[in-house]
Amino acid sequence: MASDSTDRTPLISVDRLTELLGVQTSVTLLDVRWSLSGPPGRDQYAAGHIPSARFVDLDHQLAAPQAQDGAGGRHPLPNAEDFQAVMRSLGVSDDRTVVVYDSAAGTSAGRAWWLLRYFSHSDVRLLDGGYAAWTAAGLPVVSGDDPDAPGSGGGSGAGDFIAVPGAMPLLDADAAAKLAIEGVLLDARAGARFRGEIEPMDPVAGHIPGAVSAPTTDNVGPDDRFLSAEVLRTRFASLGANGVNGREIGVYCGSGVTAAHQVLALELAGIRAALYAGSWSDWIANTSRPVATGE
């Protein structure tokens, strides 16, 4: 069965994870290491990973193929059937706690956390501090390919997860534009990208008019662990997103990856937020949409 803990925080500590792994087998670990600039996450996984973790390819397993016209952005949402098949192949079941992790800060693991939640898995946790926190604690790691990976001859078997979309709020471009005016739309990219000073990934620099700069990097401390709920509440309140004034809140980034991390941070602060999954890369795919620069 999934964890019976009454603490339904989306985070799990290294200590709590080792405790769960020591007393039950119903935990599925997913390694979601990835970065825009490399090296490939699978290489990192092969070099060392938490025992029993299965590698997840963010570009191909947590996203649909990119459309030729750019609609949906650089990481379009997968459909329910495809996502379900991938998660089942990784051993994900509805009655098993899923723990996702990446190198440290959770900025890519957050995508897996959000997708599983969106597709109605009830118990998904992100390892606070990621693989770095695990190794810093002196805990064991293994190297090489996962012996239980699909096609490897392993024996862990497939999961029975049923993907039902819609369990987390989702925005399209029109809803994001409206929210930027009538609510609060947070831009989770670096401030320089928001201002249009640089744009390393997309052909157009700038931000959605009315959006507020809220870099994802400010969700974590120097140790790459999430800030406390109180500190996060103060941070988001200073940006106009306090969750109590009736204003709806949304988040976007470049392609819907780090924005999921922001949704998680907002949840820690007790604030519900919607994700514009296509994000900036989807926004600029339609050249008639306005672009703002500067503060």
Protein backbone atom coordinates (compact mmCIF):
# COMPACT_ATOMS: atom_id res chain seq x y z
CA MET A 1 0.00 0.00 0.00
CA ALA A 2 1.01 3.61 -0.39
CA SER A 3 2.39 5.41 2.63
CA ASP A 4 -0.14 5.84 5.42
CA SER A 5 1.55 8.98 6.71
CA THR A 6 -0.86 11.73 7.61
CA ASP A 7 1.79 14.22 6.51
CA ARG A 8 0.86 14.73 2.88
CA THR A 9 3.63 17.17 2.13
CA PRO A 10 4.92 16.70 -1.43
CA LEU A 11 8.46 16.43 -0.03
CA ILE A 12 10.23 13.52 1.61
CA SER A 13 13.52 13.72 3.49
CA VAL A 14 16.43 11.33 3.07
CA ASP A 15 15.83 10.04 6.60
CA ARG A 16 12.16 9.38 5.93
CA LEU A 17 12.90 7.68 2.61
CA THR A 18 15.42 5.33 4.20
CA GLU A 19 12.87 4.58 6.90
CA LEU A 20 10.22 3.70 4.31
CA LEU A 21 12.61 1.61 2.26
CA GLY A 22 13.58 -0.25 5.41
CA VAL A 23 10.07 -1.22 6.47
CA GLN A 24 8.15 -1.70 3.24
CA THR A 25 8.64 -2.62 -0.37
CA SER A 26 5.81 -0.53 -1.76
CA VAL A 27 7.94 2.45 -2.79
CA THR A 28 8.74 3.17 -6.42
CA LEU A 29 11.84 5.32 -6.91
CA LEU A 30 12.25 7.35 -10.09
CA ASP A 31 15.53 9.03 -11.05
CA VAL A 32 14.72 12.13 -13.13
CA ARG A 33 18.15 13.70 -13.54
CA TRP A 34 18.20 16.06 -16.51
CA SER A 35 19.45 19.46 -17.54
CA LEU A 36 19.17 21.72 -20.56
CA SER A 37 22.92 21.71 -21.09
CA GLY A 38 23.78 18.11 -20.21
CA PRO A 39 25.38 15.75 -19.50
CA PRO A 40 22.65 13.22 -20.32
CA GLY A 41 20.78 12.13 -17.23
CA ARG A 42 21.08 8.49 -18.17
CA ASP A 43 24.88 8.78 -17.99
CA GLN A 44 24.59 10.19 -14.47
CA TYR A 45 22.22 7.38 -13.56
CA ALA A 46 24.62 4.72 -14.86
CA ALA A 47 27.48 6.30 -12.91
CA GLY A 48 25.52 6.04 -9.67
CA HIS A 49 21.94 6.03 -8.41
CA ILE A 50 19.86 5.16 -5.36
CA PRO A 51 19.33 1.39 -5.17
CA SER A 52 16.09 0.23 -6.86
CA ALA A 53 15.58 3.57 -8.63
CA ARG A 54 14.46 3.47 -12.26
CA PHE A 55 15.68 6.09 -14.71
CA VAL A 56 13.12 8.38 -16.38
CA ASP A 57 13.98 10.23 -19.59
CA LEU A 58 12.35 13.65 -19.17
CA ASP A 59 12.56 14.60 -22.85
CA HIS A 60 10.96 11.40 -24.13
CA GLN A 61 8.98 9.87 -21.26
CA LEU A 62 7.67 12.97 -19.51
CA ALA A 63 6.79 14.85 -22.69
CA ALA A 64 5.09 14.22 -26.01
CA PRO A 65 6.97 14.78 -29.29
CA GLN A 66 7.28 18.44 -30.23
CA ALA A 67 4.86 19.75 -32.83
CA GLN A 68 6.36 21.15 -36.03
CA ASP A 69 4.62 24.49 -35.49
CA GLY A 70 5.82 24.69 -31.88
CA ALA A 71 2.32 24.46 -30.40
CA GLY A 72 2.50 22.90 -26.95
CA GLY A 73 6.04 24.12 -26.42
CA ARG A 74 9.33 22.27 -26.18
CA HIS A 75 7.94 19.71 -23.73
CA PRO A 76 4.28 19.14 -24.64
CA LEU A 77 2.21 17.24 -22.12
CA PRO A 78 2.00 13.51 -22.88
CA ASN A 79 -1.44 12.07 -23.34
CA ALA A 80 -2.90 9.82 -20.67
CA GLU A 81 -2.44 6.58 -22.59
CA ASP A 82 1.24 7.17 -23.31
CA PHE A 83 2.04 8.42 -19.81
CA GLN A 84 0.24 5.50 -18.25
CA ALA A 85 2.22 3.02 -20.37
CA VAL A 86 5.53 4.63 -19.43
CA MET A 87 4.72 4.74 -15.72
CA ARG A 88 3.53 1.13 -15.71
CA SER A 89 6.76 0.06 -17.42
CA LEU A 90 8.64 1.72 -14.56
CA GLY A 91 6.66 -0.18 -11.95
CA VAL A 92 4.33 2.64 -10.91
CA SER A 93 1.10 1.43 -9.33
CA ASP A 94 -1.80 3.29 -7.78
CA ASP A 95 -1.22 1.73 -4.36
CA ARG A 96 2.54 2.37 -4.24
CA THR A 97 4.18 5.54 -2.94
CA VAL A 98 6.24 7.13 -5.71
CA VAL A 99 9.39 9.07 -4.81
CA VAL A 100 11.06 11.16 -7.51
CA TYR A 101 14.50 12.74 -7.33
CA ASP A 102 17.09 14.51 -9.45
CA SER A 103 20.61 15.81 -8.88
CA ALA A 104 19.71 18.17 -6.04
CA ALA A 105 17.20 21.01 -6.24
CA GLY A 106 14.23 19.12 -7.70
CA THR A 107 13.82 21.31 -10.77
CA SER A 108 13.50 18.35 -13.13
CA ALA A 109 12.02 15.85 -10.66
CA GLY A 110 9.25 18.40 -10.13
CA ARG A 111 8.04 17.66 -13.66
CA ALA A 112 7.53 13.99 -12.77
CA TRP A 113 5.88 14.95 -9.48
CA TRP A 114 3.44 17.27 -11.25
CA LEU A 115 2.60 14.86 -14.06
CA LEU A 116 1.88 12.01 -11.67
CA ARG A 117 -0.31 14.29 -9.61
CA TYR A 118 -2.04 15.67 -12.71
CA PHE A 119 -2.78 12.14 -13.85
CA SER A 120 -4.29 11.33 -10.43
CA HIS A 121 -1.64 9.42 -8.51
CA SER A 122 -2.45 10.11 -4.87
CA ASP A 123 0.94 9.68 -3.18
CA VAL A 124 3.92 11.26 -4.94
CA ARG A 125 6.88 12.71 -3.05
CA LEU A 126 9.97 14.60 -4.18
CA LEU A 127 13.22 13.80 -2.39
CA ASP A 128 14.30 17.07 -0.78
CA GLY A 129 17.93 17.72 -1.74
CA GLY A 130 17.89 14.94 -4.31
CA TYR A 131 20.74 12.59 -5.07
CA ALA A 132 23.23 15.01 -3.53
CA ALA A 133 21.47 14.79 -0.17
CA TRP A 134 21.42 10.99 -0.39
CA THR A 135 25.15 10.72 -1.06
CA ALA A 136 25.98 13.41 1.51
CA ALA A 137 24.30 11.19 4.11
CA GLY A 138 26.74 8.41 3.22
CA LEU A 139 23.99 6.12 1.96
CA PRO A 140 24.68 3.35 -0.56
CA VAL A 141 24.49 3.84 -4.32
CA VAL A 142 24.72 1.43 -7.21
CA SER A 143 26.04 1.93 -10.72
CA GLY A 144 25.25 0.54 -14.14
CA ASP A 145 21.95 -0.02 -15.86
CA ASP A 146 18.89 -0.92 -13.82
CA PRO A 147 18.64 -4.74 -13.82
CA ASP A 148 14.87 -4.44 -13.60
CA ALA A 149 14.54 -1.95 -16.44
CA PRO A 150 12.16 -2.89 -19.26
CA GLY A 151 13.85 -5.26 -21.67
CA SER A 152 16.72 -6.08 -19.31
CA GLY A 153 15.38 -9.37 -18.05
CA GLY A 154 14.66 -8.02 -14.58
CA GLY A 155 11.82 -9.27 -12.48
CA SER A 156 10.12 -6.32 -10.81
CA GLY A 157 7.15 -6.44 -13.17
CA ALA A 158 4.94 -3.74 -14.56
CA GLY A 159 2.78 -1.46 -12.48
CA ASP A 160 -0.97 -0.99 -12.71
CA PHE A 161 -1.18 2.83 -12.56
CA ILE A 162 -4.30 4.25 -14.18
CA ALA A 163 -3.71 7.74 -15.59
CA VAL A 164 -6.75 9.99 -15.24
CA PRO A 165 -5.98 13.57 -16.33
CA GLY A 166 -7.22 16.69 -14.62
CA ALA A 167 -6.28 16.28 -10.96
CA MET A 168 -4.11 19.42 -11.02
CA PRO A 169 -5.17 22.79 -12.51
CA LEU A 170 -3.88 23.45 -16.01
CA LEU A 171 -3.72 26.59 -18.15
CA ASP A 172 -3.59 27.11 -21.89
CA ALA A 173 -2.23 30.28 -23.52
CA ASP A 174 -5.54 32.15 -23.42
CA ALA A 175 -6.09 31.33 -19.75
CA ALA A 176 -2.53 32.37 -18.93
CA ALA A 177 -2.99 35.72 -20.68
CA LYS A 178 -6.20 36.33 -18.75
CA LEU A 179 -4.62 35.32 -15.47
CA ALA A 180 -1.72 37.72 -16.00
CA ILE A 181 -4.26 40.56 -15.95
CA GLU A 182 -6.95 39.35 -13.57
CA GLY A 183 -4.90 37.16 -11.22
CA VAL A 184 -1.21 36.44 -10.67
CA LEU A 185 0.95 34.77 -13.31
CA LEU A 186 4.42 33.89 -12.05
CA ASP A 187 7.34 33.45 -14.46
CA ALA A 188 9.68 30.83 -12.99
CA ARG A 189 12.63 31.49 -15.32
CA ALA A 190 15.76 33.41 -14.40
CA GLY A 191 15.24 37.14 -14.11
CA ALA A 192 17.43 37.91 -17.12
CA ARG A 193 15.25 35.71 -19.32
CA PHE A 194 12.10 37.33 -17.96
CA ARG A 195 13.48 40.79 -18.77
CA GLY A 196 14.46 39.66 -22.26
CA GLU A 197 18.17 40.31 -21.73
CA ILE A 198 19.11 36.76 -22.69
CA GLU A 199 17.28 33.79 -24.16
CA PRO A 200 19.37 30.63 -24.46
CA MET A 201 16.60 28.26 -25.53
CA ASP A 202 13.82 30.01 -27.44
CA PRO A 203 13.91 32.24 -30.52
CA VAL A 204 12.12 35.17 -28.84
CA ALA A 205 13.12 36.80 -25.55
CA GLY A 206 10.81 38.43 -23.03
CA HIS A 207 7.76 37.48 -21.01
CA ILE A 208 3.97 37.32 -21.08
CA PRO A 209 2.60 40.84 -20.50
CA GLY A 210 1.45 41.24 -16.90
CA ALA A 211 3.49 38.30 -15.57
CA VAL A 212 5.62 38.62 -12.44
CA SER A 213 9.23 37.44 -12.26
CA ALA A 214 9.63 34.66 -9.67
CA PRO A 215 12.76 32.59 -10.39
CA THR A 216 12.53 28.96 -9.34
CA THR A 217 16.01 29.15 -7.86
CA ASP A 218 14.58 31.28 -5.04
CA ASN A 219 12.48 28.33 -3.82
CA VAL A 220 15.52 26.58 -2.36
CA GLY A 221 18.38 27.44 -0.05
CA PRO A 222 22.13 27.07 -0.53
CA ASP A 223 21.81 23.36 0.25
CA ASP A 224 19.33 22.91 -2.64
CA ARG A 225 16.58 21.98 -0.20
CA PHE A 226 13.23 23.77 -0.27
CA LEU A 227 12.82 26.75 2.01
CA SER A 228 10.38 26.41 4.90
CA ALA A 229 6.67 26.82 4.27
CA GLU A 230 6.68 30.07 6.23
CA VAL A 231 9.53 31.57 4.20
CA LEU A 232 7.89 30.46 0.96
CA ARG A 233 4.58 32.03 2.00
CA THR A 234 6.35 35.30 2.67
CA ARG A 235 8.15 35.11 -0.64
CA PHE A 236 5.01 34.49 -2.69
CA ALA A 237 2.99 37.06 -0.74
CA SER A 238 5.58 39.67 -1.71
CA LEU A 239 4.84 38.78 -5.34
CA GLY A 240 1.10 39.19 -4.87
CA ALA A 241 0.45 35.46 -4.64
CA ASN A 242 -0.84 34.86 -1.14
CA GLY A 243 -3.68 32.49 -1.98
CA VAL A 244 -6.19 34.29 0.26
CA ASN A 245 -7.26 37.37 -1.65
CA GLY A 246 -9.34 35.54 -4.23
CA ARG A 247 -6.82 36.06 -7.02
CA GLU A 248 -6.08 32.90 -8.95
CA ILE A 249 -2.44 31.98 -9.42
CA GLY A 250 -0.63 30.42 -12.35
CA VAL A 251 2.96 29.58 -13.20
CA TYR A 252 4.95 29.19 -16.39
CA CYS A 253 8.61 28.86 -17.38
CA GLY A 254 10.34 28.01 -20.65
CA SER A 255 8.72 24.66 -21.37
CA GLY A 256 6.75 23.57 -18.31
CA VAL A 257 9.58 21.89 -16.40
CA THR A 258 10.83 24.28 -13.72
CA ALA A 259 7.36 25.81 -13.43
CA ALA A 260 6.21 22.48 -11.98
CA HIS A 261 8.83 22.97 -9.26
CA GLN A 262 7.22 26.34 -8.56
CA VAL A 263 3.78 24.75 -8.28
CA LEU A 264 5.25 22.37 -5.70
CA ALA A 265 6.79 25.27 -3.76
CA LEU A 266 3.45 27.04 -3.78
CA GLU A 267 1.77 23.90 -2.49
CA LEU A 268 4.28 23.78 0.35
CA ALA A 269 3.21 27.33 1.16
CA GLY A 270 -0.43 26.25 1.18
CA ILE A 271 -1.22 27.94 -2.13
CA ARG A 272 -2.91 26.22 -5.06
CA ALA A 273 -1.57 27.20 -8.46
CA ALA A 274 -2.22 26.21 -12.06
CA LEU A 275 0.52 25.30 -14.53
CA TYR A 276 0.76 26.74 -18.02
CA ALA A 277 2.37 23.57 -19.33
CA GLY A 278 3.31 24.89 -22.77
CA SER A 279 4.88 27.95 -21.15
CA TRP A 280 6.98 30.51 -23.00
CA SER A 281 7.95 28.16 -25.84
CA ASP A 282 4.25 27.60 -26.59
CA TRP A 283 3.37 31.28 -26.12
CA ILE A 284 5.80 32.47 -28.80
CA ALA A 285 4.77 29.73 -31.25
CA ASN A 286 1.88 32.05 -32.15
CA THR A 287 3.52 35.23 -33.43
CA SER A 288 0.33 37.24 -32.84
CA ARG A 289 0.72 36.97 -29.07
CA PRO A 290 2.26 40.02 -27.40
CA VAL A 291 5.71 39.98 -25.83
CA ALA A 292 6.91 42.21 -23.01
CA THR A 293 10.49 42.97 -21.93
CA GLY A 294 12.08 44.72 -18.98
CA GLU A 295 10.91 44.61 -15.38
